[in-house]
């Protein structure tokens, strides 16, 4: 089983960039598959605040179709206080999840 780690790494590396249609905002967002290290960094930065964890997932986990970030850390306050929390939560959970089918997520 020494080669199992190589299979696990190859599997993760081969996963496609995911996309999610966000009709409320009139945009399609993209995300790479997040590693446990990515998620741990966001969680540590959130210091136990679940809302911040979701906001960091949104800020650091979403891009446009060219792979450029669509949010900055300067957007944190507005995302927390002035954006629809259901939409923010849906997108953040999609970034964090391993789901690849945006149709499954859109139904949530």
Protein backbone atom coordinates (compact mmCIF):
# COMPACT_ATOMS: atom_id res chain seq x y z
CA UNK A 1 0.00 0.00 0.00
CA UNK A 2 2.99 2.33 -0.19
CA UNK A 3 1.58 3.70 -3.44
CA UNK A 4 -1.76 4.65 -1.91
CA UNK A 5 -0.52 8.11 -0.95
CA UNK A 6 0.47 8.68 -4.57
CA UNK A 7 -3.02 7.68 -5.67
CA UNK A 8 -4.60 10.02 -3.10
CA UNK A 9 -2.42 12.94 -4.25
CA UNK A 10 -3.07 12.20 -7.94
CA UNK A 11 -6.81 12.06 -7.30
CA UNK A 12 -6.85 15.44 -5.53
CA UNK A 13 -4.60 17.02 -8.16
CA UNK A 14 -6.86 15.84 -10.98
CA UNK A 15 -10.05 17.39 -9.58
CA UNK A 16 -11.40 20.08 -11.83
CA UNK A 17 -12.02 23.70 -10.95
CA UNK A 18 -15.62 23.90 -9.79
CA UNK A 19 -18.17 26.49 -10.83
CA UNK A 20 -21.34 27.77 -9.23
CA UNK A 21 -24.01 29.93 -10.79
CA UNK A 22 -25.19 32.61 -8.34
CA UNK A 23 -28.36 34.02 -9.93
CA UNK A 24 -28.98 36.47 -7.09
CA UNK A 25 -25.75 38.25 -7.96
CA UNK A 26 -25.86 37.58 -11.71
CA UNK A 27 -22.48 35.87 -11.65
CA UNK A 28 -20.76 32.53 -12.00
CA UNK A 29 -18.09 31.88 -9.36
CA UNK A 30 -15.25 29.41 -9.49
CA UNK A 31 -13.29 27.53 -6.84
CA UNK A 32 -10.44 25.09 -6.73
CA UNK A 33 -10.83 22.16 -4.42
CA UNK A 34 -9.66 23.18 -0.96
CA UNK A 35 -7.12 21.18 0.98
CA UNK A 36 -7.41 20.53 4.68
CA UNK A 37 -4.54 22.99 5.12
CA UNK A 38 -6.54 25.74 3.36
CA UNK A 39 -9.52 25.08 5.58
CA UNK A 40 -7.37 24.95 8.73
CA UNK A 41 -5.85 28.37 7.93
CA UNK A 42 -9.30 29.93 7.53
CA UNK A 43 -10.52 28.27 10.71
CA UNK A 44 -7.50 29.49 12.70
CA UNK A 45 -7.93 33.00 11.33
CA UNK A 46 -11.62 32.92 12.27
CA UNK A 47 -10.63 32.16 15.88
CA UNK A 48 -13.67 29.97 16.47
CA UNK A 49 -16.18 32.35 14.85
CA UNK A 50 -18.20 30.27 12.40
CA UNK A 51 -19.43 33.34 10.53
CA UNK A 52 -15.87 34.53 9.98
CA UNK A 53 -14.89 31.04 8.79
CA UNK A 54 -17.62 31.23 6.14
CA UNK A 55 -16.57 34.75 5.14
CA UNK A 56 -12.93 33.68 4.78
CA UNK A 57 -14.03 30.74 2.63
CA UNK A 58 -15.88 33.17 0.40
CA UNK A 59 -13.04 35.71 0.25
CA UNK A 60 -10.16 33.30 -0.25
CA UNK A 61 -11.97 30.46 -1.99
CA UNK A 62 -13.83 32.13 -4.86
CA UNK A 63 -12.44 33.43 -8.14
CA UNK A 64 -13.64 34.62 -11.52
CA UNK A 65 -13.28 32.55 -14.68
CA UNK A 66 -9.64 33.67 -15.03
CA UNK A 67 -8.74 32.51 -11.51
CA UNK A 68 -8.58 36.04 -10.11
CA UNK A 69 -10.01 36.67 -6.62
CA UNK A 70 -13.43 38.32 -6.66
CA UNK A 71 -13.28 39.55 -3.05
CA UNK A 72 -10.61 41.06 -0.83
CA UNK A 73 -10.25 41.11 2.92
CA UNK A 74 -11.55 44.68 2.70
CA UNK A 75 -14.92 43.23 1.67
CA UNK A 76 -15.29 41.28 4.93
CA UNK A 77 -17.42 43.86 6.76
CA UNK A 78 -19.86 44.31 3.87
CA UNK A 79 -20.15 40.54 3.31
CA UNK A 80 -20.92 40.05 7.03
CA UNK A 81 -23.33 42.95 7.39
CA UNK A 82 -24.74 43.99 4.03
CA UNK A 83 -24.99 40.83 1.91
CA UNK A 84 -27.75 38.23 2.02
CA UNK A 85 -26.55 35.72 4.64
CA UNK A 86 -28.32 32.85 2.88
CA UNK A 87 -26.45 33.52 -0.35
CA UNK A 88 -23.14 34.10 1.44
CA UNK A 89 -23.61 30.90 3.42
CA UNK A 90 -24.58 28.86 0.36
CA UNK A 91 -21.50 30.00 -1.56
CA UNK A 92 -19.15 29.54 1.41
CA UNK A 93 -20.47 26.04 2.08
CA UNK A 94 -20.00 25.20 -1.60
CA UNK A 95 -16.37 26.39 -1.40
CA UNK A 96 -15.76 24.30 1.72
CA UNK A 97 -17.57 21.20 0.46
CA UNK A 98 -16.28 18.56 -1.88
CA UNK A 99 -19.36 18.80 -4.08
CA UNK A 100 -18.59 19.09 -7.77
CA UNK A 101 -22.10 19.33 -9.18
CA UNK A 102 -23.36 22.91 -8.92
CA UNK A 103 -26.91 21.69 -9.61
CA UNK A 104 -26.87 19.82 -6.30
CA UNK A 105 -25.72 22.92 -4.45
CA UNK A 106 -28.12 25.27 -6.23
CA UNK A 107 -31.04 23.28 -4.82
CA UNK A 108 -29.98 24.00 -1.23
